[in-house]
């Protein structure tokens, strides 16, 4: 259901549509609103939430940051600073993102190291399989029973 915000005339998404589009549950959207990760969306004349395109863009950003493991605490600080819109808040927001990028790169390096070990083990098993196949005697075909 597309919701029209009477005050602004803007068309927005209902909470169910925002949920479907973002991939977040309705409960998660309400939780994010309650803890200050997202601003309260505008409301229509009946009091229903009306999510605008900028709300959806912000949710997409939050999802990317959560997927990469950014803690809720850091996201809350970032959201609070975003509302401040001062030069100092922009500097701190950039710092938060730089720190998170550093953490992601460190995890990627660790995962790459783990993947290297995995590739090595798989390669060893493949060499053993090839060696066994090369040294195994040929298999005798199974004898078929003759019809009676």
N, C-alpha and C. Protein backbone atom coordinates (compact mmCIF):
# COMPACT_ATOMS: atom_id res chain seq x y z
N UNK A 1 0.84 -1.16 0.00
CA UNK A 1 0.00 0.00 0.00
C UNK A 1 0.90 1.24 0.00
N UNK A 2 0.75 2.08 -0.99
CA UNK A 2 1.48 3.34 -1.02
C UNK A 2 0.75 4.32 -0.13
N UNK A 3 1.50 4.95 0.75
CA UNK A 3 0.93 5.86 1.72
C UNK A 3 1.20 7.29 1.26
N UNK A 4 0.18 8.15 1.32
CA UNK A 4 0.37 9.56 0.98
C UNK A 4 0.47 10.35 2.27
N UNK A 5 1.58 11.08 2.40
CA UNK A 5 1.77 11.96 3.54
C UNK A 5 0.99 13.23 3.24
N UNK A 6 -0.08 13.44 3.98
CA UNK A 6 -0.97 14.56 3.71
C UNK A 6 -0.24 15.90 3.82
N UNK A 7 0.61 16.04 4.81
CA UNK A 7 1.31 17.32 5.03
C UNK A 7 2.20 17.69 3.86
N UNK A 8 2.92 16.71 3.31
CA UNK A 8 3.88 17.03 2.26
C UNK A 8 3.41 16.65 0.87
N UNK A 9 2.36 15.82 0.80
CA UNK A 9 1.89 15.36 -0.50
C UNK A 9 2.79 14.27 -1.09
N UNK A 10 3.81 13.85 -0.33
CA UNK A 10 4.72 12.82 -0.83
C UNK A 10 4.08 11.45 -0.70
N UNK A 11 4.41 10.59 -1.65
CA UNK A 11 3.98 9.20 -1.57
C UNK A 11 5.11 8.41 -0.94
N UNK A 12 4.77 7.56 0.00
CA UNK A 12 5.77 6.75 0.66
C UNK A 12 5.34 5.30 0.70
N UNK A 13 6.18 4.52 1.31
CA UNK A 13 5.90 3.09 1.43
C UNK A 13 5.36 2.80 2.82
N UNK A 14 4.43 1.88 2.88
CA UNK A 14 3.96 1.42 4.18
C UNK A 14 5.09 0.64 4.85
N UNK A 15 4.93 0.35 6.13
CA UNK A 15 5.97 -0.40 6.83
C UNK A 15 6.13 -1.80 6.24
N UNK A 16 5.02 -2.39 5.79
CA UNK A 16 5.10 -3.72 5.17
C UNK A 16 5.90 -3.66 3.86
N UNK A 17 5.66 -2.61 3.07
CA UNK A 17 6.40 -2.46 1.82
C UNK A 17 7.87 -2.14 2.08
N UNK A 18 8.13 -1.29 3.07
CA UNK A 18 9.52 -0.99 3.42
C UNK A 18 10.22 -2.24 3.91
N UNK A 19 9.51 -3.06 4.64
CA UNK A 19 10.06 -4.32 5.13
C UNK A 19 10.40 -5.25 3.96
N UNK A 20 9.46 -5.40 3.05
CA UNK A 20 9.68 -6.28 1.90
C UNK A 20 10.83 -5.78 1.04
N UNK A 21 10.86 -4.49 0.81
CA UNK A 21 11.90 -3.92 -0.05
C UNK A 21 13.28 -3.95 0.59
N UNK A 22 13.35 -3.73 1.89
CA UNK A 22 14.65 -3.68 2.56
C UNK A 22 15.14 -5.06 2.98
N UNK A 23 14.22 -5.99 3.16
CA UNK A 23 14.60 -7.30 3.66
C UNK A 23 14.63 -7.36 5.18
N UNK A 24 14.30 -6.26 5.84
CA UNK A 24 14.24 -6.22 7.29
C UNK A 24 12.80 -6.51 7.73
N UNK A 25 12.67 -7.20 8.84
CA UNK A 25 11.32 -7.47 9.33
C UNK A 25 10.68 -6.18 9.85
N UNK A 26 9.38 -6.20 9.95
CA UNK A 26 8.66 -5.05 10.50
C UNK A 26 9.13 -4.79 11.93
N UNK A 27 9.33 -5.85 12.69
CA UNK A 27 9.82 -5.69 14.07
C UNK A 27 11.19 -5.03 14.09
N UNK A 28 12.06 -5.40 13.16
CA UNK A 28 13.40 -4.80 13.10
C UNK A 28 13.31 -3.32 12.74
N UNK A 29 12.43 -2.97 11.81
CA UNK A 29 12.25 -1.56 11.46
C UNK A 29 11.79 -0.76 12.68
N UNK A 30 10.86 -1.31 13.41
CA UNK A 30 10.38 -0.61 14.62
C UNK A 30 11.49 -0.52 15.67
N UNK A 31 12.26 -1.60 15.81
CA UNK A 31 13.37 -1.61 16.76
C UNK A 31 14.41 -0.55 16.38
N UNK A 32 14.79 -0.52 15.10
CA UNK A 32 15.77 0.47 14.63
C UNK A 32 15.27 1.89 14.89
N UNK A 33 13.98 2.10 14.74
CA UNK A 33 13.40 3.42 15.03
C UNK A 33 13.49 3.71 16.53
N UNK A 34 13.15 2.72 17.34
CA UNK A 34 13.15 2.90 18.80
C UNK A 34 14.54 3.22 19.35
N UNK A 35 15.60 2.58 18.79
CA UNK A 35 16.95 2.81 19.31
C UNK A 35 17.68 3.96 18.62
N UNK A 36 17.00 4.61 17.68
CA UNK A 36 17.58 5.79 17.04
C UNK A 36 18.46 5.51 15.83
N UNK A 37 18.41 4.28 15.31
CA UNK A 37 19.18 4.00 14.08
C UNK A 37 18.53 4.65 12.87
N UNK A 38 17.22 4.69 12.88
CA UNK A 38 16.51 5.38 11.80
C UNK A 38 15.61 6.43 12.43
N UNK A 39 15.44 7.50 11.71
CA UNK A 39 14.52 8.55 12.16
C UNK A 39 13.10 8.02 12.03
N UNK A 40 12.23 8.53 12.87
CA UNK A 40 10.83 8.16 12.75
C UNK A 40 10.34 8.61 11.38
N UNK A 41 9.78 7.71 10.61
CA UNK A 41 9.29 8.12 9.29
C UNK A 41 8.09 9.06 9.43
N UNK A 42 7.83 9.76 8.37
CA UNK A 42 6.64 10.62 8.37
C UNK A 42 5.42 9.72 8.55
N UNK A 43 4.32 10.33 8.93
CA UNK A 43 3.08 9.58 9.15
C UNK A 43 1.99 10.14 8.24
N UNK A 44 1.11 9.26 7.83
CA UNK A 44 -0.02 9.72 7.03
C UNK A 44 -1.13 10.21 7.97
N UNK A 45 -2.25 10.61 7.41
CA UNK A 45 -3.33 11.18 8.23
C UNK A 45 -3.89 10.16 9.22
N UNK A 46 -3.73 8.89 8.94
CA UNK A 46 -4.20 7.85 9.85
C UNK A 46 -3.12 7.44 10.85
N UNK A 47 -1.95 8.07 10.77
CA UNK A 47 -0.87 7.77 11.72
C UNK A 47 0.03 6.63 11.30
N UNK A 48 -0.16 6.14 10.07
CA UNK A 48 0.68 5.03 9.60
C UNK A 48 2.02 5.56 9.11
N UNK A 49 3.08 4.78 9.35
CA UNK A 49 4.42 5.15 8.89
C UNK A 49 4.44 5.22 7.37
N UNK A 50 5.17 6.21 6.88
CA UNK A 50 5.30 6.41 5.43
C UNK A 50 6.78 6.59 5.12
N UNK A 51 7.40 5.51 4.62
CA UNK A 51 8.84 5.53 4.35
C UNK A 51 9.11 6.16 2.99
N UNK A 52 10.00 7.14 2.98
CA UNK A 52 10.37 7.85 1.76
C UNK A 52 11.63 7.23 1.16
N UNK A 53 11.97 7.66 -0.03
CA UNK A 53 13.14 7.11 -0.72
C UNK A 53 14.42 7.30 0.09
N UNK A 54 14.58 8.46 0.73
CA UNK A 54 15.80 8.69 1.54
C UNK A 54 15.84 7.74 2.74
N UNK A 55 14.67 7.37 3.27
CA UNK A 55 14.62 6.37 4.35
C UNK A 55 15.12 5.02 3.84
N UNK A 56 14.70 4.68 2.63
CA UNK A 56 15.10 3.39 2.06
C UNK A 56 16.60 3.38 1.75
N UNK A 57 17.12 4.51 1.29
CA UNK A 57 18.57 4.60 1.05
C UNK A 57 19.35 4.41 2.34
N UNK A 58 18.87 5.03 3.41
CA UNK A 58 19.53 4.91 4.71
C UNK A 58 19.47 3.46 5.21
N UNK A 59 18.31 2.81 5.03
CA UNK A 59 18.18 1.40 5.43
C UNK A 59 19.15 0.53 4.64
N UNK A 60 19.32 0.82 3.35
CA UNK A 60 20.26 0.04 2.53
C UNK A 60 21.68 0.20 3.06
N UNK A 61 22.04 1.42 3.44
CA UNK A 61 23.36 1.67 4.04
C UNK A 61 23.52 0.88 5.34
N UNK A 62 22.51 0.96 6.21
CA UNK A 62 22.58 0.23 7.48
C UNK A 62 22.75 -1.27 7.25
N UNK A 63 22.03 -1.80 6.28
CA UNK A 63 22.14 -3.23 5.98
C UNK A 63 23.54 -3.60 5.53
N UNK A 64 24.13 -2.78 4.69
CA UNK A 64 25.51 -3.04 4.24
C UNK A 64 26.47 -3.03 5.42
N UNK A 65 26.30 -2.05 6.29
CA UNK A 65 27.20 -1.96 7.44
C UNK A 65 27.00 -3.13 8.40
N UNK A 66 25.75 -3.54 8.62
CA UNK A 66 25.49 -4.69 9.48
C UNK A 66 26.03 -5.97 8.85
N UNK A 67 25.89 -6.11 7.55
CA UNK A 67 26.41 -7.29 6.86
C UNK A 67 27.91 -7.40 7.01
N UNK A 68 28.58 -6.27 7.04
CA UNK A 68 30.04 -6.27 7.20
C UNK A 68 30.46 -6.34 8.66
N UNK A 69 29.49 -6.43 9.56
CA UNK A 69 29.80 -6.63 10.96
C UNK A 69 29.92 -5.38 11.81
N UNK A 70 29.50 -4.24 11.30
CA UNK A 70 29.58 -3.02 12.11
C UNK A 70 28.63 -3.18 13.30
N UNK A 71 29.13 -2.95 14.51
CA UNK A 71 28.27 -3.09 15.69
C UNK A 71 27.16 -2.03 15.73
N UNK A 72 26.06 -2.40 16.33
CA UNK A 72 24.93 -1.48 16.49
C UNK A 72 25.39 -0.20 17.20
N UNK A 73 26.25 -0.35 18.19
CA UNK A 73 26.73 0.82 18.94
C UNK A 73 27.39 1.83 18.00
N UNK A 74 28.23 1.37 17.09
CA UNK A 74 28.89 2.27 16.14
C UNK A 74 27.88 2.87 15.17
N UNK A 75 26.92 2.07 14.75
CA UNK A 75 25.88 2.59 13.85
C UNK A 75 25.02 3.65 14.54
N UNK A 76 24.74 3.44 15.81
CA UNK A 76 23.95 4.43 16.55
C UNK A 76 24.71 5.75 16.65
N UNK A 77 26.01 5.65 16.94
CA UNK A 77 26.82 6.87 17.00
C UNK A 77 26.83 7.56 15.64
N UNK A 78 27.00 6.78 14.58
CA UNK A 78 27.02 7.33 13.23
C UNK A 78 25.70 8.03 12.92
N UNK A 79 24.58 7.39 13.26
CA UNK A 79 23.26 7.96 12.99
C UNK A 79 23.06 9.26 13.77
N UNK A 80 23.50 9.26 15.01
CA UNK A 80 23.39 10.47 15.83
C UNK A 80 24.21 11.61 15.23
N UNK A 81 25.42 11.29 14.79
CA UNK A 81 26.28 12.30 14.18
C UNK A 81 25.71 12.79 12.85
N UNK A 82 25.07 11.90 12.12
CA UNK A 82 24.46 12.27 10.83
C UNK A 82 23.38 13.33 11.05
N UNK A 83 22.65 13.20 12.13
CA UNK A 83 21.60 14.19 12.43
C UNK A 83 22.19 15.56 12.77
N UNK A 84 23.41 15.57 13.33
CA UNK A 84 24.05 16.83 13.75
C UNK A 84 24.46 17.68 12.55
N UNK A 85 24.86 17.08 11.47
CA UNK A 85 25.26 17.75 10.22
C UNK A 85 26.24 18.90 10.43
N UNK A 86 27.18 18.74 11.33
CA UNK A 86 28.23 19.75 11.51
C UNK A 86 29.52 19.23 10.89
N UNK A 87 30.47 20.12 10.74
CA UNK A 87 31.76 19.71 10.20
C UNK A 87 32.42 18.69 11.13
N UNK A 88 32.32 18.94 12.43
CA UNK A 88 32.91 18.01 13.41
C UNK A 88 32.25 16.64 13.32
N UNK A 89 30.94 16.63 13.12
CA UNK A 89 30.25 15.33 13.03
C UNK A 89 30.66 14.60 11.75
N UNK A 90 30.88 15.33 10.68
CA UNK A 90 31.33 14.71 9.43
C UNK A 90 32.71 14.10 9.59
N UNK A 91 33.58 14.78 10.32
CA UNK A 91 34.92 14.26 10.57
C UNK A 91 34.83 12.95 11.35
N UNK A 92 34.00 12.93 12.39
CA UNK A 92 33.86 11.71 13.21
C UNK A 92 33.20 10.59 12.42
N UNK A 93 32.21 10.91 11.59
CA UNK A 93 31.57 9.89 10.75
C UNK A 93 32.58 9.25 9.83
N UNK A 94 33.43 10.07 9.23
CA UNK A 94 34.47 9.53 8.36
C UNK A 94 35.40 8.62 9.15
N UNK A 95 35.75 9.03 10.35
CA UNK A 95 36.64 8.23 11.20
C UNK A 95 36.00 6.87 11.51
N UNK A 96 34.72 6.86 11.81
CA UNK A 96 34.01 5.60 12.09
C UNK A 96 34.11 4.68 10.87
N UNK A 97 33.88 5.24 9.68
CA UNK A 97 33.94 4.44 8.46
C UNK A 97 35.36 3.95 8.17
N UNK A 98 36.35 4.79 8.40
CA UNK A 98 37.74 4.37 8.21
C UNK A 98 38.12 3.23 9.14
N UNK A 99 37.69 3.34 10.40
CA UNK A 99 37.97 2.27 11.37
C UNK A 99 37.29 0.97 10.95
N UNK A 100 36.07 1.09 10.49
CA UNK A 100 35.34 -0.11 10.06
C UNK A 100 35.99 -0.73 8.82
N UNK A 101 36.41 0.10 7.90
CA UNK A 101 37.10 -0.41 6.71
C UNK A 101 38.36 -1.17 7.12
N UNK A 102 39.10 -0.62 8.09
CA UNK A 102 40.30 -1.29 8.58
C UNK A 102 39.94 -2.67 9.15
N UNK A 103 38.87 -2.73 9.94
CA UNK A 103 38.43 -4.00 10.53
C UNK A 103 38.02 -5.01 9.45
N UNK A 104 37.30 -4.53 8.44
CA UNK A 104 36.88 -5.42 7.34
C UNK A 104 38.10 -5.98 6.62
N UNK A 105 39.07 -5.12 6.33
CA UNK A 105 40.27 -5.59 5.63
C UNK A 105 41.04 -6.60 6.46
N UNK A 106 41.11 -6.40 7.76
CA UNK A 106 41.80 -7.37 8.64
C UNK A 106 41.06 -8.71 8.62
N UNK A 107 39.73 -8.67 8.67
CA UNK A 107 38.95 -9.92 8.60
C UNK A 107 39.12 -10.59 7.25
N UNK A 108 39.16 -9.79 6.18
CA UNK A 108 39.37 -10.36 4.84
C UNK A 108 40.73 -11.05 4.75
N UNK A 109 41.75 -10.44 5.32
CA UNK A 109 43.09 -11.05 5.33
C UNK A 109 43.05 -12.37 6.10
N UNK A 110 42.38 -12.37 7.24
CA UNK A 110 42.27 -13.59 8.04
C UNK A 110 41.52 -14.68 7.27
N UNK A 111 40.42 -14.30 6.62
CA UNK A 111 39.66 -15.27 5.83
C UNK A 111 40.46 -15.79 4.65
N UNK A 112 41.26 -14.92 4.02
CA UNK A 112 42.11 -15.34 2.91
C UNK A 112 43.12 -16.37 3.39
N UNK A 113 43.68 -16.16 4.55
CA UNK A 113 44.63 -17.11 5.13
C UNK A 113 43.94 -18.45 5.39
N UNK A 114 42.74 -18.41 5.93
CA UNK A 114 41.98 -19.64 6.16
C UNK A 114 41.65 -20.34 4.85
N UNK A 115 41.30 -19.57 3.84
CA UNK A 115 40.99 -20.14 2.53
C UNK A 115 42.23 -20.81 1.93
N UNK A 116 43.41 -20.20 2.11
CA UNK A 116 44.65 -20.80 1.63
C UNK A 116 44.87 -22.18 2.25
N UNK A 117 44.63 -22.31 3.55
CA UNK A 117 44.78 -23.60 4.22
C UNK A 117 43.79 -24.60 3.66
N UNK A 118 42.56 -24.16 3.47
CA UNK A 118 41.53 -25.03 2.91
C UNK A 118 41.90 -25.50 1.51
N UNK A 119 42.37 -24.59 0.67
CA UNK A 119 42.78 -24.95 -0.69
C UNK A 119 43.92 -25.96 -0.66
N UNK A 120 44.87 -25.79 0.25
CA UNK A 120 46.00 -26.70 0.39
C UNK A 120 45.51 -28.11 0.75
N UNK A 121 44.60 -28.21 1.72
CA UNK A 121 44.09 -29.51 2.14
C UNK A 121 43.32 -30.19 1.00
N UNK A 122 42.49 -29.43 0.30
CA UNK A 122 41.73 -29.99 -0.82
C UNK A 122 42.69 -30.49 -1.90
N UNK A 123 43.71 -29.71 -2.19
CA UNK A 123 44.71 -30.10 -3.18
C UNK A 123 45.39 -31.42 -2.79
N UNK A 124 45.71 -31.58 -1.52
CA UNK A 124 46.32 -32.83 -1.06
C UNK A 124 45.39 -34.01 -1.28
N UNK A 125 44.11 -33.85 -0.97
CA UNK A 125 43.15 -34.93 -1.18
C UNK A 125 43.03 -35.26 -2.67
N UNK A 126 43.06 -34.26 -3.52
CA UNK A 126 42.97 -34.51 -4.95
C UNK A 126 44.20 -35.25 -5.45
N UNK A 127 45.40 -34.93 -4.91
CA UNK A 127 46.62 -35.66 -5.31
C UNK A 127 46.53 -37.12 -4.87
N UNK A 128 46.02 -37.37 -3.67
CA UNK A 128 45.86 -38.74 -3.19
C UNK A 128 44.88 -39.49 -4.09
N UNK A 129 43.79 -38.87 -4.45
CA UNK A 129 42.80 -39.51 -5.32
C UNK A 129 43.40 -39.86 -6.67
N UNK A 130 44.18 -38.93 -7.25
CA UNK A 130 44.83 -39.20 -8.55
C UNK A 130 45.83 -40.34 -8.42
N UNK A 131 46.58 -40.35 -7.33
CA UNK A 131 47.58 -41.39 -7.10
C UNK A 131 46.90 -42.76 -6.96
N UNK A 132 45.82 -42.81 -6.22
CA UNK A 132 45.09 -44.07 -6.06
C UNK A 132 44.50 -44.54 -7.38
N UNK A 133 43.99 -43.63 -8.15
CA UNK A 133 43.40 -43.99 -9.44
C UNK A 133 44.47 -44.52 -10.39
N UNK A 134 45.69 -43.98 -10.34
CA UNK A 134 46.77 -44.40 -11.24
C UNK A 134 47.34 -45.75 -10.84
N UNK A 135 47.29 -46.10 -9.56
CA UNK A 135 47.91 -47.35 -9.11
C UNK A 135 46.90 -48.47 -8.90
N UNK A 136 45.63 -48.21 -9.03
CA UNK A 136 44.61 -49.25 -8.84
C UNK A 136 44.57 -50.15 -10.06
N UNK A 137 44.44 -51.47 -9.82
CA UNK A 137 44.32 -52.38 -10.97
C UNK A 137 43.01 -52.13 -11.69
N UNK A 138 42.97 -52.44 -12.97
CA UNK A 138 41.72 -52.23 -13.71
C UNK A 138 40.60 -53.07 -13.10
N UNK A 139 39.44 -52.56 -13.09
CA UNK A 139 38.29 -53.25 -12.54
C UNK A 139 37.77 -54.27 -13.56
N UNK A 140 37.41 -55.45 -13.08
CA UNK A 140 36.81 -56.47 -13.93
C UNK A 140 35.34 -56.10 -14.14
N UNK A 141 34.85 -56.24 -15.36
CA UNK A 141 33.43 -55.97 -15.56
C UNK A 141 32.60 -57.00 -14.80
N UNK A 142 31.48 -56.59 -14.33
CA UNK A 142 30.58 -57.52 -13.63
C UNK A 142 30.01 -58.49 -14.63
N UNK A 143 29.91 -59.75 -14.24
CA UNK A 143 29.34 -60.78 -15.09
C UNK A 143 27.83 -60.66 -15.04
N UNK A 144 27.23 -60.67 -16.18
CA UNK A 144 25.78 -60.64 -16.22
C UNK A 144 25.28 -62.07 -16.19
N UNK A 145 24.19 -62.26 -15.52
CA UNK A 145 23.59 -63.60 -15.50
C UNK A 145 22.91 -63.83 -16.83
N UNK A 146 23.04 -65.07 -17.29
CA UNK A 146 22.36 -65.43 -18.54
C UNK A 146 20.92 -65.76 -18.25
N UNK A 147 20.04 -65.32 -19.12
CA UNK A 147 18.62 -65.67 -18.90
C UNK A 147 18.41 -67.17 -18.91
N UNK A 148 17.50 -67.62 -18.13
CA UNK A 148 17.24 -69.06 -18.05
C UNK A 148 16.36 -69.54 -19.13
